[in-house]
Amino acid sequence: MTSLTRPLSLLLLCTSLWGCATAPKPAAFAGDRLSGRLSVQVAHNSAGTAQGGAAAFELQGTPEAGQLELSTPLGTLAARASWQPGQALLQRSDTETRYADLDALTRDLLGESVPVAALFDWLKGRPWAGAVSRPRLDGKPGFRQLGWTVDLERHDEGLINAHRKEPTEVQLRARLDPPEAR
């Protein structure tokens, strides 16, 4: 090999291997696409321990069929949850776990169920059509739904805060990316 063909061959080999190691791009989902930062804190889950974390998120699709991606601050994909009627799938690094539905997935992941289907509407500042809602007891902007109080006082800034006290206290906070960044 000449001095020029060796680096070129190495470059082609690396490019080929890199292409094989790249995770496949998931299918696009019809419906909404929302992104931002998400934090979930569970005071004491069913195992008796506090749990939670924060991540960048991208939520796309509909409550019936969609996907939620969670990424680290450096942009690395930490987990991908996807769902369709009758099943939900959680993908993390080299593992895939199937669940009957989103409630089972979030219960296993956090120790408590989080209403991902309702998030599509909650993040837009409105109650989910799939369950009854009522105004907040304190009269402030927001509503109560599925046992959660959704605070919309700073929704115009892209901030949403949802809190559930029982059976286990759970705090969910989201900061939406501006529409032009999505």
C-alpha atoms as a PDB file:
ATOM      1  CA  MET A   1       0.000   0.000   0.000  1.00  0.00           C
ATOM      2  CA  THR A   2       1.199   3.489  -0.766  1.00  0.00           C
ATOM      3  CA  SER A   3       1.402   6.169   1.869  1.00  0.00           C
ATOM      4  CA  LEU A   4      -1.763   7.795   0.458  1.00  0.00           C
ATOM      5  CA  THR A   5      -3.964   4.700   0.141  1.00  0.00           C
ATOM      6  CA  ARG A   6      -3.353   3.460   3.698  1.00  0.00           C
ATOM      7  CA  PRO A   7      -4.984   6.505   5.424  1.00  0.00           C
ATOM      8  CA  LEU A   8      -7.775   6.482   2.846  1.00  0.00           C
ATOM      9  CA  SER A   9      -8.452   2.772   3.463  1.00  0.00           C
ATOM     10  CA  LEU A  10      -8.442   3.335   7.216  1.00  0.00           C
ATOM     11  CA  LEU A  11     -10.879   6.235   6.844  1.00  0.00           C
ATOM     12  CA  LEU A  12     -13.248   4.123   4.725  1.00  0.00           C
ATOM     13  CA  LEU A  13     -13.069   1.245   7.230  1.00  0.00           C
ATOM     14  CA  CYS A  14     -13.786   3.534  10.197  1.00  0.00           C
ATOM     15  CA  THR A  15     -16.668   5.182   8.354  1.00  0.00           C
ATOM     16  CA  SER A  16     -18.138   1.763   7.530  1.00  0.00           C
ATOM     17  CA  LEU A  17     -17.840   0.544  11.125  1.00  0.00           C
ATOM     18  CA  TRP A  18     -19.256   3.779  12.506  1.00  0.00           C
ATOM     19  CA  GLY A  19     -22.284   3.390  10.244  1.00  0.00           C
ATOM     20  CA  CYS A  20     -22.842  -0.131  11.602  1.00  0.00           C
ATOM     21  CA  ALA A  21     -22.618   1.051  15.213  1.00  0.00           C
ATOM     22  CA  THR A  22     -25.039   3.943  14.819  1.00  0.00           C
ATOM     23  CA  ALA A  23     -28.447   3.274  16.363  1.00  0.00           C
ATOM     24  CA  PRO A  24     -31.228   3.193  13.799  1.00  0.00           C
ATOM     25  CA  LYS A  25     -33.349   6.315  13.580  1.00  0.00           C
ATOM     26  CA  PRO A  26     -36.795   5.510  14.995  1.00  0.00           C
ATOM     27  CA  ALA A  27     -39.865   5.806  12.821  1.00  0.00           C
ATOM     28  CA  ALA A  28     -41.542   9.197  12.736  1.00  0.00           C
ATOM     29  CA  PHE A  29     -44.889   9.376  14.490  1.00  0.00           C
ATOM     30  CA  ALA A  30     -47.896  11.306  13.269  1.00  0.00           C
ATOM     31  CA  GLY A  31     -49.122  13.879  15.764  1.00  0.00           C
ATOM     32  CA  ASP A  32     -47.360  16.271  18.079  1.00  0.00           C
ATOM     33  CA  ARG A  33     -43.684  16.836  18.731  1.00  0.00           C
ATOM     34  CA  LEU A  34     -42.746  18.530  21.990  1.00  0.00           C
ATOM     35  CA  SER A  35     -39.283  18.869  23.512  1.00  0.00           C
ATOM     36  CA  GLY A  36     -37.541  20.425  26.486  1.00  0.00           C
ATOM     37  CA  ARG A  37     -36.324  19.401  29.950  1.00  0.00           C
ATOM     38  CA  LEU A  38     -38.209  17.036  32.238  1.00  0.00           C
ATOM     39  CA  SER A  39     -37.745  16.254  35.926  1.00  0.00           C
ATOM     40  CA  VAL A  40     -39.619  13.568  37.863  1.00  0.00           C
ATOM     41  CA  GLN A  41     -39.216  13.043  41.610  1.00  0.00           C
ATOM     42  CA  VAL A  42     -40.948  10.217  43.500  1.00  0.00           C
ATOM     43  CA  ALA A  43     -40.882  10.840  47.279  1.00  0.00           C
ATOM     44  CA  HIS A  44     -41.075   7.175  48.315  1.00  0.00           C
ATOM     45  CA  ASN A  45     -41.944   4.630  45.674  1.00  0.00           C
ATOM     46  CA  SER A  46     -43.468   1.191  46.259  1.00  0.00           C
ATOM     47  CA  ALA A  47     -40.022  -0.097  47.301  1.00  0.00           C
ATOM     48  CA  GLY A  48     -39.833   2.606  50.009  1.00  0.00           C
ATOM     49  CA  THR A  49     -37.059   4.644  48.395  1.00  0.00           C
ATOM     50  CA  ALA A  50     -36.999   8.094  46.827  1.00  0.00           C
ATOM     51  CA  GLN A  51     -36.328   8.049  43.105  1.00  0.00           C
ATOM     52  CA  GLY A  52     -36.210  10.397  40.148  1.00  0.00           C
ATOM     53  CA  GLY A  53     -34.074  12.328  37.768  1.00  0.00           C
ATOM     54  CA  ALA A  54     -33.921  14.957  35.070  1.00  0.00           C
ATOM     55  CA  ALA A  55     -33.297  14.721  31.346  1.00  0.00           C
ATOM     56  CA  ALA A  56     -33.851  16.435  28.042  1.00  0.00           C
ATOM     57  CA  PHE A  57     -36.957  14.997  26.408  1.00  0.00           C
ATOM     58  CA  GLU A  58     -38.636  14.697  23.052  1.00  0.00           C
ATOM     59  CA  LEU A  59     -42.257  13.547  23.065  1.00  0.00           C
ATOM     60  CA  GLN A  60     -43.867  12.757  19.735  1.00  0.00           C
ATOM     61  CA  GLY A  61     -46.972  11.077  18.420  1.00  0.00           C
ATOM     62  CA  THR A  62     -50.277  10.742  20.231  1.00  0.00           C
ATOM     63  CA  PRO A  63     -51.444   9.186  23.501  1.00  0.00           C
ATOM     64  CA  GLU A  64     -52.368   6.088  21.467  1.00  0.00           C
ATOM     65  CA  ALA A  65     -49.068   5.631  19.583  1.00  0.00           C
ATOM     66  CA  GLY A  66     -45.903   7.576  20.167  1.00  0.00           C
ATOM     67  CA  GLN A  67     -42.456   7.864  21.598  1.00  0.00           C
ATOM     68  CA  LEU A  68     -40.667   9.579  24.469  1.00  0.00           C
ATOM     69  CA  GLU A  69     -36.893   9.960  24.251  1.00  0.00           C
ATOM     70  CA  LEU A  70     -34.816  10.984  27.281  1.00  0.00           C
ATOM     71  CA  SER A  71     -31.279  12.286  26.787  1.00  0.00           C
ATOM     72  CA  THR A  72     -28.371  13.188  29.046  1.00  0.00           C
ATOM     73  CA  PRO A  73     -27.146  16.802  29.333  1.00  0.00           C
ATOM     74  CA  LEU A  74     -24.507  15.938  26.696  1.00  0.00           C
ATOM     75  CA  GLY A  75     -27.205  14.793  24.268  1.00  0.00           C
ATOM     76  CA  THR A  76     -26.642  11.037  24.542  1.00  0.00           C
ATOM     77  CA  LEU A  77     -29.838   9.004  24.324  1.00  0.00           C
ATOM     78  CA  ALA A  78     -30.474   7.529  27.798  1.00  0.00           C
ATOM     79  CA  ALA A  79     -33.810   5.815  27.126  1.00  0.00           C
ATOM     80  CA  ARG A  80     -36.540   5.554  24.534  1.00  0.00           C
ATOM     81  CA  ALA A  81     -40.109   4.563  25.377  1.00  0.00           C
ATOM     82  CA  SER A  82     -42.437   3.802  22.488  1.00  0.00           C
ATOM     83  CA  TRP A  83     -46.019   2.615  22.581  1.00  0.00           C
ATOM     84  CA  GLN A  84     -48.984   1.551  20.548  1.00  0.00           C
ATOM     85  CA  PRO A  85     -52.282  -0.072  21.522  1.00  0.00           C
ATOM     86  CA  GLY A  86     -51.637  -3.092  23.738  1.00  0.00           C
ATOM     87  CA  GLN A  87     -47.910  -2.658  24.288  1.00  0.00           C
ATOM     88  CA  ALA A  88     -45.095  -0.373  25.351  1.00  0.00           C
ATOM     89  CA  LEU A  89     -41.366  -0.820  24.813  1.00  0.00           C
ATOM     90  CA  LEU A  90     -38.485   0.637  26.834  1.00  0.00           C
ATOM     91  CA  GLN A  91     -35.058   0.712  25.172  1.00  0.00           C
ATOM     92  CA  ARG A  92     -31.929   1.529  27.164  1.00  0.00           C
ATOM     93  CA  SER A  93     -28.402   1.022  25.785  1.00  0.00           C
ATOM     94  CA  ASP A  94     -28.362  -2.706  25.003  1.00  0.00           C
ATOM     95  CA  THR A  95     -31.670  -3.743  26.590  1.00  0.00           C
ATOM     96  CA  GLU A  96     -35.291  -3.786  25.493  1.00  0.00           C
ATOM     97  CA  THR A  97     -38.170  -4.458  27.874  1.00  0.00           C
ATOM     98  CA  ARG A  98     -41.782  -4.910  26.774  1.00  0.00           C
ATOM     99  CA  TYR A  99     -44.787  -3.889  28.883  1.00  0.00           C
ATOM    100  CA  ALA A 100     -48.551  -4.221  28.548  1.00  0.00           C
ATOM    101  CA  ASP A 101     -48.962  -0.415  28.564  1.00  0.00           C
ATOM    102  CA  LEU A 102     -47.366   2.919  29.495  1.00  0.00           C
ATOM    103  CA  ASP A 103     -48.552   2.745  33.111  1.00  0.00           C
ATOM    104  CA  ALA A 104     -46.712  -0.558  33.614  1.00  0.00           C
ATOM    105  CA  LEU A 105     -43.587   0.891  31.969  1.00  0.00           C
ATOM    106  CA  THR A 106     -43.459   4.026  34.160  1.00  0.00           C
ATOM    107  CA  ARG A 107     -44.345   2.008  37.283  1.00  0.00           C
ATOM    108  CA  ASP A 108     -41.373  -0.302  36.647  1.00  0.00           C
ATOM    109  CA  LEU A 109     -39.036   2.557  35.757  1.00  0.00           C
ATOM    110  CA  LEU A 110     -39.956   4.948  38.615  1.00  0.00           C
ATOM    111  CA  GLY A 111     -41.815   2.775  41.084  1.00  0.00           C
ATOM    112  CA  GLU A 112     -44.971   4.801  40.364  1.00  0.00           C
ATOM    113  CA  SER A 113     -47.244   5.349  37.386  1.00  0.00           C
ATOM    114  CA  VAL A 114     -46.886   8.661  35.520  1.00  0.00           C
ATOM    115  CA  PRO A 115     -49.640   9.557  32.997  1.00  0.00           C
ATOM    116  CA  VAL A 116     -47.537   9.922  29.831  1.00  0.00           C
ATOM    117  CA  ALA A 117     -50.689   9.878  27.655  1.00  0.00           C
ATOM    118  CA  ALA A 118     -51.969  12.975  29.491  1.00  0.00           C
ATOM    119  CA  LEU A 119     -48.642  14.802  29.056  1.00  0.00           C
ATOM    120  CA  PHE A 120     -49.422  15.623  25.425  1.00  0.00           C
ATOM    121  CA  ASP A 121     -52.251  17.904  26.578  1.00  0.00           C
ATOM    122  CA  TRP A 122     -50.790  18.980  29.919  1.00  0.00           C
ATOM    123  CA  LEU A 123     -47.691  20.336  28.159  1.00  0.00           C
ATOM    124  CA  LYS A 124     -49.997  22.405  25.947  1.00  0.00           C
ATOM    125  CA  GLY A 125     -51.678  23.869  29.022  1.00  0.00           C
ATOM    126  CA  ARG A 126     -54.959  21.971  28.848  1.00  0.00           C
ATOM    127  CA  PRO A 127     -56.574  18.940  30.484  1.00  0.00           C
ATOM    128  CA  TRP A 128     -56.373  15.569  28.743  1.00  0.00           C
ATOM    129  CA  ALA A 129     -59.663  14.636  27.033  1.00  0.00           C
ATOM    130  CA  GLY A 130     -59.343  11.041  28.305  1.00  0.00           C
ATOM    131  CA  ALA A 131     -60.287  11.854  31.919  1.00  0.00           C
ATOM    132  CA  VAL A 132     -62.436  14.233  33.956  1.00  0.00           C
ATOM    133  CA  SER A 133     -60.744  17.455  35.102  1.00  0.00           C
ATOM    134  CA  ARG A 134     -61.616  20.129  37.636  1.00  0.00           C
ATOM    135  CA  PRO A 135     -60.266  23.623  38.396  1.00  0.00           C
ATOM    136  CA  ARG A 136     -57.497  23.927  40.982  1.00  0.00           C
ATOM    137  CA  LEU A 137     -58.778  24.315  44.543  1.00  0.00           C
ATOM    138  CA  ASP A 138     -56.712  27.484  45.105  1.00  0.00           C
ATOM    139  CA  GLY A 139     -58.192  29.194  42.018  1.00  0.00           C
ATOM    140  CA  LYS A 140     -54.786  29.631  40.350  1.00  0.00           C
ATOM    141  CA  PRO A 141     -54.199  28.778  36.662  1.00  0.00           C
ATOM    142  CA  GLY A 142     -54.280  25.051  36.058  1.00  0.00           C
ATOM    143  CA  PHE A 143     -56.496  22.069  36.848  1.00  0.00           C
ATOM    144  CA  ARG A 144     -56.768  18.766  38.713  1.00  0.00           C
ATOM    145  CA  GLN A 145     -56.859  15.518  36.769  1.00  0.00           C
ATOM    146  CA  LEU A 146     -56.104  11.834  37.436  1.00  0.00           C
ATOM    147  CA  GLY A 147     -55.170  12.690  41.032  1.00  0.00           C
ATOM    148  CA  TRP A 148     -52.640  15.307  39.886  1.00  0.00           C
ATOM    149  CA  THR A 149     -52.681  19.095  40.283  1.00  0.00           C
ATOM    150  CA  VAL A 150     -51.301  20.710  37.133  1.00  0.00           C
ATOM    151  CA  ASP A 151     -49.897  24.204  37.760  1.00  0.00           C
ATOM    152  CA  LEU A 152     -50.003  26.463  34.698  1.00  0.00           C
ATOM    153  CA  GLU A 153     -49.023  29.748  36.379  1.00  0.00           C
ATOM    154  CA  ARG A 154     -45.869  29.969  34.223  1.00  0.00           C
ATOM    155  CA  HIS A 155     -47.109  28.096  31.163  1.00  0.00           C
ATOM    156  CA  ASP A 156     -46.566  31.200  29.008  1.00  0.00           C
ATOM    157  CA  GLU A 157     -42.837  30.810  29.858  1.00  0.00           C
ATOM    158  CA  GLY A 158     -42.918  27.121  28.888  1.00  0.00           C
ATOM    159  CA  LEU A 159     -42.991  25.858  32.495  1.00  0.00           C
ATOM    160  CA  ILE A 160     -45.431  23.193  33.687  1.00  0.00           C
ATOM    161  CA  ASN A 161     -45.500  21.702  37.170  1.00  0.00           C
ATOM    162  CA  ALA A 162     -47.641  18.657  38.021  1.00  0.00           C
ATOM    163  CA  HIS A 163     -47.887  17.268  41.537  1.00  0.00           C
ATOM    164  CA  ARG A 164     -49.588  14.198  42.986  1.00  0.00           C
ATOM    165  CA  LYS A 165     -49.793  13.619  46.742  1.00  0.00           C
ATOM    166  CA  GLU A 166     -51.383  10.162  46.957  1.00  0.00           C
ATOM    167  CA  PRO A 167     -50.891   7.250  47.017  1.00  0.00           C
ATOM    168  CA  THR A 168     -47.239   8.317  46.700  1.00  0.00           C
ATOM    169  CA  GLU A 169     -46.010  11.874  46.302  1.00  0.00           C
ATOM    170  CA  VAL A 170     -44.696  12.554  42.787  1.00  0.00           C
ATOM    171  CA  GLN A 171     -43.466  15.863  41.351  1.00  0.00           C
ATOM    172  CA  LEU A 172     -43.179  16.324  37.574  1.00  0.00           C
ATOM    173  CA  ARG A 173     -41.673  19.503  36.120  1.00  0.00           C
ATOM    174  CA  ALA A 174     -41.236  20.366  32.463  1.00  0.00           C
ATOM    175  CA  ARG A 175     -39.678  23.277  30.626  1.00  0.00           C
ATOM    176  CA  LEU A 176     -40.639  23.314  26.973  1.00  0.00           C
ATOM    177  CA  ASP A 177     -38.245  24.422  24.283  1.00  0.00           C
ATOM    178  CA  PRO A 178     -39.463  27.534  22.442  1.00  0.00           C
ATOM    179  CA  PRO A 179     -41.551  26.594  19.362  1.00  0.00           C
ATOM    180  CA  GLU A 180     -38.811  27.700  16.956  1.00  0.00           C
ATOM    181  CA  ALA A 181     -36.313  25.324  18.658  1.00  0.00           C
ATOM    182  CA  ARG A 182     -38.520  22.229  18.293  1.00  0.00           C
END
